[in-house]
Amino acid sequence: MNDRLPAPSDSPTALAAALRSTGYLADDGLATATFLAMRMNRPLFCEGEPGTGKTALAQALAEITGAELIRLQCHDGIDASQALYDWDFPRQLLHLRALETAAGADKLDVDAVESSLYDKKFLLQRPILRALQTTPSVLLIDEVDRADDEFEAFLLEVLTEYAVTIPEVGEVRATTPPLVVLTSNRTREVHDALKRRCLYLWLDHPDLQREIEILHSRLPGIPERLAAQVAGAVRALRQADLLKPPGVAETIDWARALQLVGARHLDVDSAAATLGAVLKYREDADRVRKQLDTLLAS
């Protein structure tokens, strides 16, 4: 009789169960897409509104697989050197001065010195290079929509070969490719070429019942009434015309804040006192405070 527990890569159901053990509740579509990405060794491109659990998925995958989570945060103007590697110039300079002191500047073998300066001990690994050399690892390329076209082209090349070439060192190729999760908040469209390299997953905000389940999973012991009221209020906030609608992380923060102030249920006073846990813009908070009675009654 085989008593082995199903591994996360055995089936979408096993993966969903493993994710649930971390507090991440995955529906069938998410579990299947993630399972296929793991088995097909393809990057998973997660797109959706902020706060829908894209980054949390990568964190949960690292936890259940025992892999190191390596995060590359994209931003406007990011380039390949910030993602791959750099040389530790201060240490190289100290090394050069030490050689000059030991041998004298006029006695140095230029070729030998140059070779020693570009030794791997002076190489500063940035996230992608570190992920290629770390087994197992989960590489999170976060908010790729904030990068430019040139950086997308670079990512496409790296994610196709799982290898990079460093002129002074040579090719670095992953022995075991990392599990790659790319996220996008869809502030702009990411090029089709990069999407075609990946499996695609759209993440939406959870429905009411799933969000209540998430609260119970992340905050064991939360009163049923409070969990339902918080999830319902956040759902109403997402339908309002806010500058930044709250995500699941804000739902959890709000429920935790309410528990910390001793609230057993959500009322106008407790909601107003803890609103900073769920809304991050003054304009949103001011507007909602004026409508708390209506919000909580809905």
C-alpha atoms as a PDB file:
ATOM      1  CA  MET A   1       0.000   0.000   0.000  1.00  0.00           C
ATOM      2  CA  ASN A   2       1.353   3.408  -0.950  1.00  0.00           C
ATOM      3  CA  ASP A   3       0.878   5.921   1.876  1.00  0.00           C
ATOM      4  CA  ARG A   4       2.745   8.715   0.100  1.00  0.00           C
ATOM      5  CA  LEU A   5       0.941  12.034   0.277  1.00  0.00           C
ATOM      6  CA  PRO A   6       0.264  13.561  -3.126  1.00  0.00           C
ATOM      7  CA  ALA A   7       2.990  15.993  -4.178  1.00  0.00           C
ATOM      8  CA  PRO A   8       1.881  19.430  -5.447  1.00  0.00           C
ATOM      9  CA  SER A   9       2.956  18.436  -8.967  1.00  0.00           C
ATOM     10  CA  ASP A  10       0.869  15.235  -8.994  1.00  0.00           C
ATOM     11  CA  SER A  11      -2.398  16.882 -10.024  1.00  0.00           C
ATOM     12  CA  PRO A  12      -4.242  20.213  -9.923  1.00  0.00           C
ATOM     13  CA  THR A  13      -6.214  18.887  -6.940  1.00  0.00           C
ATOM     14  CA  ALA A  14      -3.031  18.046  -5.027  1.00  0.00           C
ATOM     15  CA  LEU A  15      -1.589  21.450  -5.873  1.00  0.00           C
ATOM     16  CA  ALA A  16      -4.730  23.235  -4.687  1.00  0.00           C
ATOM     17  CA  ALA A  17      -4.567  21.293  -1.411  1.00  0.00           C
ATOM     18  CA  ALA A  18      -0.912  22.209  -0.922  1.00  0.00           C
ATOM     19  CA  LEU A  19      -1.622  25.871  -1.624  1.00  0.00           C
ATOM     20  CA  ARG A  20      -4.523  25.772   0.823  1.00  0.00           C
ATOM     21  CA  SER A  21      -2.113  24.609   3.529  1.00  0.00           C
ATOM     22  CA  THR A  22      -0.326  27.960   3.205  1.00  0.00           C
ATOM     23  CA  GLY A  23      -3.581  29.914   3.394  1.00  0.00           C
ATOM     24  CA  TYR A  24      -3.781  30.479  -0.371  1.00  0.00           C
ATOM     25  CA  LEU A  25      -7.145  29.308  -1.694  1.00  0.00           C
ATOM     26  CA  ALA A  26      -6.949  28.434  -5.373  1.00  0.00           C
ATOM     27  CA  ASP A  27      -9.963  27.769  -7.576  1.00  0.00           C
ATOM     28  CA  ASP A  28      -9.909  25.040 -10.234  1.00  0.00           C
ATOM     29  CA  GLY A  29      -8.754  27.339 -13.025  1.00  0.00           C
ATOM     30  CA  LEU A  30      -5.838  28.754 -11.068  1.00  0.00           C
ATOM     31  CA  ALA A  31      -4.765  25.348  -9.764  1.00  0.00           C
ATOM     32  CA  THR A  32      -4.875  23.828 -13.255  1.00  0.00           C
ATOM     33  CA  ALA A  33      -2.926  26.654 -14.920  1.00  0.00           C
ATOM     34  CA  THR A  34      -0.279  26.581 -12.202  1.00  0.00           C
ATOM     35  CA  PHE A  35      -0.041  22.787 -12.307  1.00  0.00           C
ATOM     36  CA  LEU A  36       0.497  22.883 -16.071  1.00  0.00           C
ATOM     37  CA  ALA A  37       3.158  25.586 -15.755  1.00  0.00           C
ATOM     38  CA  MET A  38       5.033  23.386 -13.283  1.00  0.00           C
ATOM     39  CA  ARG A  39       4.739  20.214 -15.358  1.00  0.00           C
ATOM     40  CA  MET A  40       5.383  21.830 -18.747  1.00  0.00           C
ATOM     41  CA  ASN A  41       8.251  23.953 -17.397  1.00  0.00           C
ATOM     42  CA  ARG A  42       6.669  27.120 -18.752  1.00  0.00           C
ATOM     43  CA  PRO A  43       6.507  30.547 -17.134  1.00  0.00           C
ATOM     44  CA  LEU A  44       3.125  31.491 -15.693  1.00  0.00           C
ATOM     45  CA  PHE A  45       1.913  34.944 -16.725  1.00  0.00           C
ATOM     46  CA  CYS A  46      -0.562  36.233 -14.116  1.00  0.00           C
ATOM     47  CA  GLU A  47      -2.579  39.279 -15.054  1.00  0.00           C
ATOM     48  CA  GLY A  48      -5.269  41.080 -13.086  1.00  0.00           C
ATOM     49  CA  GLU A  49      -6.167  44.004 -10.891  1.00  0.00           C
ATOM     50  CA  PRO A  50      -3.853  44.893  -7.984  1.00  0.00           C
ATOM     51  CA  GLY A  51      -4.581  42.849  -4.898  1.00  0.00           C
ATOM     52  CA  THR A  52      -5.944  39.729  -6.584  1.00  0.00           C
ATOM     53  CA  GLY A  53      -3.213  37.417  -5.254  1.00  0.00           C
ATOM     54  CA  LYS A  54      -0.682  37.330  -8.080  1.00  0.00           C
ATOM     55  CA  THR A  55       2.398  37.952  -5.968  1.00  0.00           C
ATOM     56  CA  ALA A  56       1.005  35.833  -3.133  1.00  0.00           C
ATOM     57  CA  LEU A  57       0.738  32.889  -5.536  1.00  0.00           C
ATOM     58  CA  ALA A  58       4.503  32.944  -6.172  1.00  0.00           C
ATOM     59  CA  GLN A  59       5.152  33.170  -2.437  1.00  0.00           C
ATOM     60  CA  ALA A  60       2.869  30.208  -1.769  1.00  0.00           C
ATOM     61  CA  LEU A  61       4.496  28.156  -4.544  1.00  0.00           C
ATOM     62  CA  ALA A  62       7.924  28.751  -3.037  1.00  0.00           C
ATOM     63  CA  GLU A  63       6.623  27.645   0.351  1.00  0.00           C
ATOM     64  CA  ILE A  64       5.020  24.399  -0.801  1.00  0.00           C
ATOM     65  CA  THR A  65       7.951  23.383  -3.017  1.00  0.00           C
ATOM     66  CA  GLY A  66      10.664  24.337  -0.529  1.00  0.00           C
ATOM     67  CA  ALA A  67      12.200  26.588  -3.186  1.00  0.00           C
ATOM     68  CA  GLU A  68      13.910  29.911  -2.666  1.00  0.00           C
ATOM     69  CA  LEU A  69      11.728  32.834  -3.729  1.00  0.00           C
ATOM     70  CA  ILE A  70      13.744  35.282  -5.823  1.00  0.00           C
ATOM     71  CA  ARG A  71      11.945  38.496  -6.701  1.00  0.00           C
ATOM     72  CA  LEU A  72      12.654  40.923  -9.508  1.00  0.00           C
ATOM     73  CA  GLN A  73      10.597  44.085  -9.044  1.00  0.00           C
ATOM     74  CA  CYS A  74      10.161  45.785 -12.409  1.00  0.00           C
ATOM     75  CA  HIS A  75      10.003  49.545 -12.733  1.00  0.00           C
ATOM     76  CA  ASP A  76      10.207  52.241 -15.347  1.00  0.00           C
ATOM     77  CA  GLY A  77      13.717  52.268 -16.809  1.00  0.00           C
ATOM     78  CA  ILE A  78      14.824  48.852 -15.535  1.00  0.00           C
ATOM     79  CA  ASP A  79      17.524  47.310 -17.731  1.00  0.00           C
ATOM     80  CA  ALA A  80      19.264  43.968 -18.160  1.00  0.00           C
ATOM     81  CA  SER A  81      22.148  44.785 -15.819  1.00  0.00           C
ATOM     82  CA  GLN A  82      19.744  45.390 -12.936  1.00  0.00           C
ATOM     83  CA  ALA A  83      18.151  42.011 -13.561  1.00  0.00           C
ATOM     84  CA  LEU A  84      21.271  39.958 -14.345  1.00  0.00           C
ATOM     85  CA  TYR A  85      24.544  40.990 -12.757  1.00  0.00           C
ATOM     86  CA  ASP A  86      27.011  43.721 -11.983  1.00  0.00           C
ATOM     87  CA  TRP A  87      30.656  43.823 -10.996  1.00  0.00           C
ATOM     88  CA  ASP A  88      31.707  44.804  -7.493  1.00  0.00           C
ATOM     89  CA  PHE A  89      33.886  47.748  -8.544  1.00  0.00           C
ATOM     90  CA  PRO A  90      34.980  48.785  -5.003  1.00  0.00           C
ATOM     91  CA  ARG A  91      36.243  45.247  -4.281  1.00  0.00           C
ATOM     92  CA  GLN A  92      37.911  45.057  -7.697  1.00  0.00           C
ATOM     93  CA  LEU A  93      39.708  48.337  -6.989  1.00  0.00           C
ATOM     94  CA  LEU A  94      40.894  47.097  -3.595  1.00  0.00           C
ATOM     95  CA  HIS A  95      42.084  43.883  -5.228  1.00  0.00           C
ATOM     96  CA  LEU A  96      44.022  45.851  -7.857  1.00  0.00           C
ATOM     97  CA  ARG A  97      45.670  48.032  -5.231  1.00  0.00           C
ATOM     98  CA  ALA A  98      46.632  44.949  -3.247  1.00  0.00           C
ATOM     99  CA  LEU A  99      48.279  43.455  -6.335  1.00  0.00           C
ATOM    100  CA  GLU A 100      50.127  46.694  -7.018  1.00  0.00           C
ATOM    101  CA  THR A 101      51.355  46.839  -3.434  1.00  0.00           C
ATOM    102  CA  ALA A 102      52.505  43.223  -3.471  1.00  0.00           C
ATOM    103  CA  ALA A 103      54.229  43.184  -6.851  1.00  0.00           C
ATOM    104  CA  GLY A 104      54.719  46.817  -7.837  1.00  0.00           C
ATOM    105  CA  ALA A 105      52.817  48.496 -10.635  1.00  0.00           C
ATOM    106  CA  ASP A 106      55.615  48.009 -13.153  1.00  0.00           C
ATOM    107  CA  LYS A 107      55.839  44.264 -12.546  1.00  0.00           C
ATOM    108  CA  LEU A 108      52.157  43.395 -12.992  1.00  0.00           C
ATOM    109  CA  ASP A 109      51.118  40.934 -15.684  1.00  0.00           C
ATOM    110  CA  VAL A 110      48.293  42.899 -17.331  1.00  0.00           C
ATOM    111  CA  ASP A 111      46.494  39.845 -18.695  1.00  0.00           C
ATOM    112  CA  ALA A 112      46.685  38.018 -15.375  1.00  0.00           C
ATOM    113  CA  VAL A 113      45.474  41.069 -13.482  1.00  0.00           C
ATOM    114  CA  GLU A 114      42.528  41.549 -15.844  1.00  0.00           C
ATOM    115  CA  SER A 115      41.605  37.892 -15.515  1.00  0.00           C
ATOM    116  CA  SER A 116      41.722  38.084 -11.723  1.00  0.00           C
ATOM    117  CA  LEU A 117      39.585  41.222 -11.662  1.00  0.00           C
ATOM    118  CA  TYR A 118      36.761  39.419 -13.423  1.00  0.00           C
ATOM    119  CA  ASP A 119      36.758  36.402 -11.174  1.00  0.00           C
ATOM    120  CA  LYS A 120      33.322  35.165 -10.085  1.00  0.00           C
ATOM    121  CA  LYS A 121      34.017  36.296  -6.531  1.00  0.00           C
ATOM    122  CA  PHE A 122      33.567  39.886  -7.754  1.00  0.00           C
ATOM    123  CA  LEU A 123      30.314  39.103  -9.560  1.00  0.00           C
ATOM    124  CA  LEU A 124      27.192  40.566  -7.988  1.00  0.00           C
ATOM    125  CA  GLN A 125      24.256  38.337  -8.871  1.00  0.00           C
ATOM    126  CA  ARG A 126      20.991  40.103  -9.582  1.00  0.00           C
ATOM    127  CA  PRO A 127      17.681  38.212  -9.401  1.00  0.00           C
ATOM    128  CA  ILE A 128      17.614  36.463 -12.783  1.00  0.00           C
ATOM    129  CA  LEU A 129      21.218  35.256 -12.632  1.00  0.00           C
ATOM    130  CA  ARG A 130      20.694  34.080  -9.045  1.00  0.00           C
ATOM    131  CA  ALA A 131      17.548  32.183 -10.068  1.00  0.00           C
ATOM    132  CA  LEU A 132      19.399  30.447 -12.900  1.00  0.00           C
ATOM    133  CA  GLN A 133      22.028  29.254 -10.438  1.00  0.00           C
ATOM    134  CA  THR A 134      19.707  28.331  -7.557  1.00  0.00           C
ATOM    135  CA  THR A 135      17.926  24.974  -7.440  1.00  0.00           C
ATOM    136  CA  PRO A 136      15.102  24.858  -6.639  1.00  0.00           C
ATOM    137  CA  SER A 137      13.889  28.413  -7.012  1.00  0.00           C
ATOM    138  CA  VAL A 138      10.765  30.393  -7.845  1.00  0.00           C
ATOM    139  CA  LEU A 139      11.535  33.507  -9.864  1.00  0.00           C
ATOM    140  CA  LEU A 140       8.906  36.200  -9.393  1.00  0.00           C
ATOM    141  CA  ILE A 141       9.073  38.893 -12.081  1.00  0.00           C
ATOM    142  CA  ASP A 142       6.703  41.368 -10.514  1.00  0.00           C
ATOM    143  CA  GLU A 143       4.757  44.064 -12.413  1.00  0.00           C
ATOM    144  CA  VAL A 144       6.383  43.392 -15.762  1.00  0.00           C
ATOM    145  CA  ASP A 145       3.941  45.872 -17.322  1.00  0.00           C
ATOM    146  CA  ARG A 146       5.998  48.684 -15.733  1.00  0.00           C
ATOM    147  CA  ALA A 147       9.070  47.785 -17.808  1.00  0.00           C
ATOM    148  CA  ASP A 148       9.676  48.852 -21.427  1.00  0.00           C
ATOM    149  CA  ASP A 149       9.735  46.968 -24.737  1.00  0.00           C
ATOM    150  CA  GLU A 150      13.495  46.453 -24.672  1.00  0.00           C
ATOM    151  CA  PHE A 151      13.356  44.777 -21.283  1.00  0.00           C
ATOM    152  CA  GLU A 152      10.493  42.555 -22.450  1.00  0.00           C
ATOM    153  CA  ALA A 153      12.657  41.398 -25.368  1.00  0.00           C
ATOM    154  CA  PHE A 154      15.464  40.591 -22.952  1.00  0.00           C
ATOM    155  CA  LEU A 155      13.092  38.575 -20.754  1.00  0.00           C
ATOM    156  CA  LEU A 156      11.805  36.653 -23.760  1.00  0.00           C
ATOM    157  CA  GLU A 157      15.346  35.589 -24.657  1.00  0.00           C
ATOM    158  CA  VAL A 158      16.207  34.547 -21.105  1.00  0.00           C
ATOM    159  CA  LEU A 159      12.960  32.645 -20.538  1.00  0.00           C
ATOM    160  CA  THR A 160      13.341  30.782 -23.825  1.00  0.00           C
ATOM    161  CA  GLU A 161      16.845  29.482 -23.139  1.00  0.00           C
ATOM    162  CA  TYR A 162      17.128  29.770 -19.347  1.00  0.00           C
ATOM    163  CA  ALA A 163      20.663  30.866 -20.023  1.00  0.00           C
ATOM    164  CA  VAL A 164      22.661  34.092 -20.210  1.00  0.00           C
ATOM    165  CA  THR A 165      26.130  34.940 -21.423  1.00  0.00           C
ATOM    166  CA  ILE A 166      28.490  37.047 -19.334  1.00  0.00           C
ATOM    167  CA  PRO A 167      31.312  38.218 -21.612  1.00  0.00           C
ATOM    168  CA  GLU A 168      34.028  37.906 -18.964  1.00  0.00           C
ATOM    169  CA  VAL A 169      32.799  34.566 -17.594  1.00  0.00           C
ATOM    170  CA  GLY A 170      30.948  32.736 -20.360  1.00  0.00           C
ATOM    171  CA  GLU A 171      27.531  31.110 -20.534  1.00  0.00           C
ATOM    172  CA  VAL A 172      25.514  30.498 -17.395  1.00  0.00           C
ATOM    173  CA  ARG A 173      22.737  27.965 -17.968  1.00  0.00           C
ATOM    174  CA  ALA A 174      20.239  26.702 -15.434  1.00  0.00           C
ATOM    175  CA  THR A 175      20.704  23.050 -14.527  1.00  0.00           C
ATOM    176  CA  THR A 176      17.086  22.995 -13.403  1.00  0.00           C
ATOM    177  CA  PRO A 177      15.078  25.975 -14.688  1.00  0.00           C
ATOM    178  CA  PRO A 178      13.320  27.999 -12.017  1.00  0.00           C
ATOM    179  CA  LEU A 179       9.559  28.113 -11.763  1.00  0.00           C
ATOM    180  CA  VAL A 180       8.838  31.552 -13.195  1.00  0.00           C
ATOM    181  CA  VAL A 181       5.809  33.666 -12.290  1.00  0.00           C
ATOM    182  CA  LEU A 182       5.329  36.974 -14.101  1.00  0.00           C
ATOM    183  CA  THR A 183       2.716  39.416 -12.867  1.00  0.00           C
ATOM    184  CA  SER A 184       1.034  42.348 -14.568  1.00  0.00           C
ATOM    185  CA  ASN A 185      -1.479  44.878 -13.273  1.00  0.00           C
ATOM    186  CA  ARG A 186      -2.317  45.649 -16.892  1.00  0.00           C
ATOM    187  CA  THR A 187      -1.270  49.292 -16.778  1.00  0.00           C
ATOM    188  CA  ARG A 188      -0.254  48.615 -20.369  1.00  0.00           C
ATOM    189  CA  GLU A 189      -0.418  45.673 -22.729  1.00  0.00           C
ATOM    190  CA  VAL A 190       2.536  43.289 -22.605  1.00  0.00           C
ATOM    191  CA  HIS A 191       3.704  42.152 -26.036  1.00  0.00           C
ATOM    192  CA  ASP A 192       2.252  38.971 -27.480  1.00  0.00           C
ATOM    193  CA  ALA A 193       5.702  37.415 -27.984  1.00  0.00           C
ATOM    194  CA  LEU A 194       6.340  37.306 -24.254  1.00  0.00           C
ATOM    195  CA  LYS A 195       2.817  36.095 -23.487  1.00  0.00           C
ATOM    196  CA  ARG A 196       3.160  33.288 -26.043  1.00  0.00           C
ATOM    197  CA  ARG A 197       6.197  31.984 -24.151  1.00  0.00           C
ATOM    198  CA  CYS A 198       4.049  31.662 -21.033  1.00  0.00           C
ATOM    199  CA  LEU A 199       0.885  30.021 -19.837  1.00  0.00           C
ATOM    200  CA  TYR A 200      -1.692  32.734 -19.189  1.00  0.00           C
ATOM    201  CA  LEU A 201      -3.813  33.187 -16.089  1.00  0.00           C
ATOM    202  CA  TRP A 202      -6.268  35.995 -15.380  1.00  0.00           C
ATOM    203  CA  LEU A 203      -6.858  36.554 -11.669  1.00  0.00           C
ATOM    204  CA  ASP A 204      -9.992  38.330 -10.542  1.00  0.00           C
ATOM    205  CA  HIS A 205     -11.109  39.305  -7.070  1.00  0.00           C
ATOM    206  CA  PRO A 206     -12.611  36.306  -5.262  1.00  0.00           C
ATOM    207  CA  ASP A 207     -16.330  35.985  -4.909  1.00  0.00           C
ATOM    208  CA  LEU A 208     -17.908  36.693  -1.536  1.00  0.00           C
ATOM    209  CA  GLN A 209     -17.834  33.142  -0.199  1.00  0.00           C
ATOM    210  CA  ARG A 210     -14.229  32.543  -1.239  1.00  0.00           C
ATOM    211  CA  GLU A 211     -13.124  35.792   0.375  1.00  0.00           C
ATOM    212  CA  ILE A 212     -14.820  34.742   3.605  1.00  0.00           C
ATOM    213  CA  GLU A 213     -12.962  31.419   3.365  1.00  0.00           C
ATOM    214  CA  ILE A 214      -9.689  33.313   2.837  1.00  0.00           C
ATOM    215  CA  LEU A 215     -10.315  35.313   6.002  1.00  0.00           C
ATOM    216  CA  HIS A 216     -10.949  32.154   8.006  1.00  0.00           C
ATOM    217  CA  SER A 217      -7.824  30.584   6.522  1.00  0.00           C
ATOM    218  CA  ARG A 218      -5.549  33.550   7.246  1.00  0.00           C
ATOM    219  CA  LEU A 219      -7.160  34.585  10.532  1.00  0.00           C
ATOM    220  CA  PRO A 220      -8.174  31.430  12.404  1.00  0.00           C
ATOM    221  CA  GLY A 221     -10.741  32.214  15.050  1.00  0.00           C
ATOM    222  CA  ILE A 222     -12.226  35.263  13.357  1.00  0.00           C
ATOM    223  CA  PRO A 223     -15.947  35.445  14.177  1.00  0.00           C
ATOM    224  CA  GLU A 224     -18.137  34.287  11.321  1.00  0.00           C
ATOM    225  CA  ARG A 225     -20.203  37.462  11.436  1.00  0.00           C
ATOM    226  CA  LEU A 226     -17.151  39.719  11.299  1.00  0.00           C
ATOM    227  CA  ALA A 227     -15.625  37.776   8.396  1.00  0.00           C
ATOM    228  CA  ALA A 228     -18.862  37.984   6.412  1.00  0.00           C
ATOM    229  CA  GLN A 229     -19.319  41.703   7.156  1.00  0.00           C
ATOM    230  CA  VAL A 230     -15.736  42.608   6.194  1.00  0.00           C
ATOM    231  CA  ALA A 231     -15.867  40.582   2.969  1.00  0.00           C
ATOM    232  CA  GLY A 232     -19.230  42.114   2.069  1.00  0.00           C
ATOM    233  CA  ALA A 233     -18.036  45.658   2.825  1.00  0.00           C
ATOM    234  CA  VAL A 234     -14.890  45.213   0.749  1.00  0.00           C
ATOM    235  CA  ARG A 235     -16.973  43.857  -2.110  1.00  0.00           C
ATOM    236  CA  ALA A 236     -19.103  47.034  -1.946  1.00  0.00           C
ATOM    237  CA  LEU A 237     -15.956  49.193  -1.879  1.00  0.00           C
ATOM    238  CA  ARG A 238     -14.693  47.520  -5.058  1.00  0.00           C
ATOM    239  CA  GLN A 239     -17.895  48.505  -6.822  1.00  0.00           C
ATOM    240  CA  ALA A 240     -17.545  52.131  -5.730  1.00  0.00           C
ATOM    241  CA  ASP A 241     -15.665  54.644  -7.831  1.00  0.00           C
ATOM    242  CA  LEU A 242     -12.449  54.680  -5.789  1.00  0.00           C
ATOM    243  CA  LEU A 243      -8.942  55.702  -6.789  1.00  0.00           C
ATOM    244  CA  LYS A 244      -7.613  52.371  -5.505  1.00  0.00           C
ATOM    245  CA  PRO A 245     -10.138  49.620  -4.811  1.00  0.00           C
ATOM    246  CA  PRO A 246      -8.973  47.276  -2.030  1.00  0.00           C
ATOM    247  CA  GLY A 247      -7.464  43.896  -2.791  1.00  0.00           C
ATOM    248  CA  VAL A 248      -7.492  40.693  -0.797  1.00  0.00           C
ATOM    249  CA  ALA A 249      -4.463  41.826   1.219  1.00  0.00           C
ATOM    250  CA  GLU A 250      -6.439  44.871   2.367  1.00  0.00           C
ATOM    251  CA  THR A 251      -9.394  42.657   3.283  1.00  0.00           C
ATOM    252  CA  ILE A 252      -7.126  40.610   5.540  1.00  0.00           C
ATOM    253  CA  ASP A 253      -5.500  43.713   7.021  1.00  0.00           C
ATOM    254  CA  TRP A 254      -8.882  45.269   7.783  1.00  0.00           C
ATOM    255  CA  ALA A 255     -10.194  42.146   9.468  1.00  0.00           C
ATOM    256  CA  ARG A 256      -6.996  41.833  11.511  1.00  0.00           C
ATOM    257  CA  ALA A 257      -7.173  45.489  12.521  1.00  0.00           C
ATOM    258  CA  LEU A 258     -10.775  45.089  13.633  1.00  0.00           C
ATOM    259  CA  GLN A 259      -9.837  42.077  15.731  1.00  0.00           C
ATOM    260  CA  LEU A 260      -6.963  43.991  17.331  1.00  0.00           C
ATOM    261  CA  VAL A 261      -9.287  46.799  18.450  1.00  0.00           C
ATOM    262  CA  GLY A 262     -11.651  44.219  19.908  1.00  0.00           C
ATOM    263  CA  ALA A 263     -14.450  44.451  17.349  1.00  0.00           C
ATOM    264  CA  ARG A 264     -16.725  41.424  17.196  1.00  0.00           C
ATOM    265  CA  HIS A 265     -18.715  42.853  14.323  1.00  0.00           C
ATOM    266  CA  LEU A 266     -18.382  45.712  11.837  1.00  0.00           C
ATOM    267  CA  ASP A 267     -20.218  48.881  12.742  1.00  0.00           C
ATOM    268  CA  VAL A 268     -19.807  52.543  11.784  1.00  0.00           C
ATOM    269  CA  ASP A 269     -17.475  53.393  14.676  1.00  0.00           C
ATOM    270  CA  SER A 270     -15.137  50.418  14.252  1.00  0.00           C
ATOM    271  CA  ALA A 271     -15.120  50.821  10.473  1.00  0.00           C
ATOM    272  CA  ALA A 272     -14.243  54.524  10.673  1.00  0.00           C
ATOM    273  CA  ALA A 273     -11.476  53.890  13.211  1.00  0.00           C
ATOM    274  CA  THR A 274      -9.776  51.210  11.086  1.00  0.00           C
ATOM    275  CA  LEU A 275     -10.425  52.513   7.574  1.00  0.00           C
ATOM    276  CA  GLY A 276      -6.725  53.152   7.014  1.00  0.00           C
ATOM    277  CA  ALA A 277      -6.175  49.405   6.859  1.00  0.00           C
ATOM    278  CA  VAL A 278      -8.317  49.042   3.742  1.00  0.00           C
ATOM    279  CA  LEU A 279      -8.150  52.399   1.926  1.00  0.00           C
ATOM    280  CA  LYS A 280      -4.839  54.016   1.011  1.00  0.00           C
ATOM    281  CA  TYR A 281      -5.895  57.374  -0.438  1.00  0.00           C
ATOM    282  CA  ARG A 282      -7.260  60.273   1.580  1.00  0.00           C
ATOM    283  CA  GLU A 283      -9.856  61.043  -1.090  1.00  0.00           C
ATOM    284  CA  ASP A 284     -11.162  57.465  -0.928  1.00  0.00           C
ATOM    285  CA  ALA A 285     -11.269  57.468   2.873  1.00  0.00           C
ATOM    286  CA  ASP A 286     -13.037  60.842   3.052  1.00  0.00           C
ATOM    287  CA  ARG A 287     -15.645  59.737   0.547  1.00  0.00           C
ATOM    288  CA  VAL A 288     -16.312  56.397   2.236  1.00  0.00           C
ATOM    289  CA  ARG A 289     -16.570  57.895   5.718  1.00  0.00           C
ATOM    290  CA  LYS A 290     -19.513  59.962   4.508  1.00  0.00           C
ATOM    291  CA  GLN A 291     -21.248  56.828   3.236  1.00  0.00           C
ATOM    292  CA  LEU A 292     -20.466  54.296   5.975  1.00  0.00           C
ATOM    293  CA  ASP A 293     -24.100  53.906   7.025  1.00  0.00           C
ATOM    294  CA  THR A 294     -25.118  53.043   3.469  1.00  0.00           C
ATOM    295  CA  LEU A 295     -22.082  50.856   2.915  1.00  0.00           C
ATOM    296  CA  LEU A 296     -22.618  48.743   6.011  1.00  0.00           C
ATOM    297  CA  ALA A 297     -26.326  48.425   5.337  1.00  0.00           C
ATOM    298  CA  SER A 298     -25.773  46.983   1.865  1.00  0.00           C
END
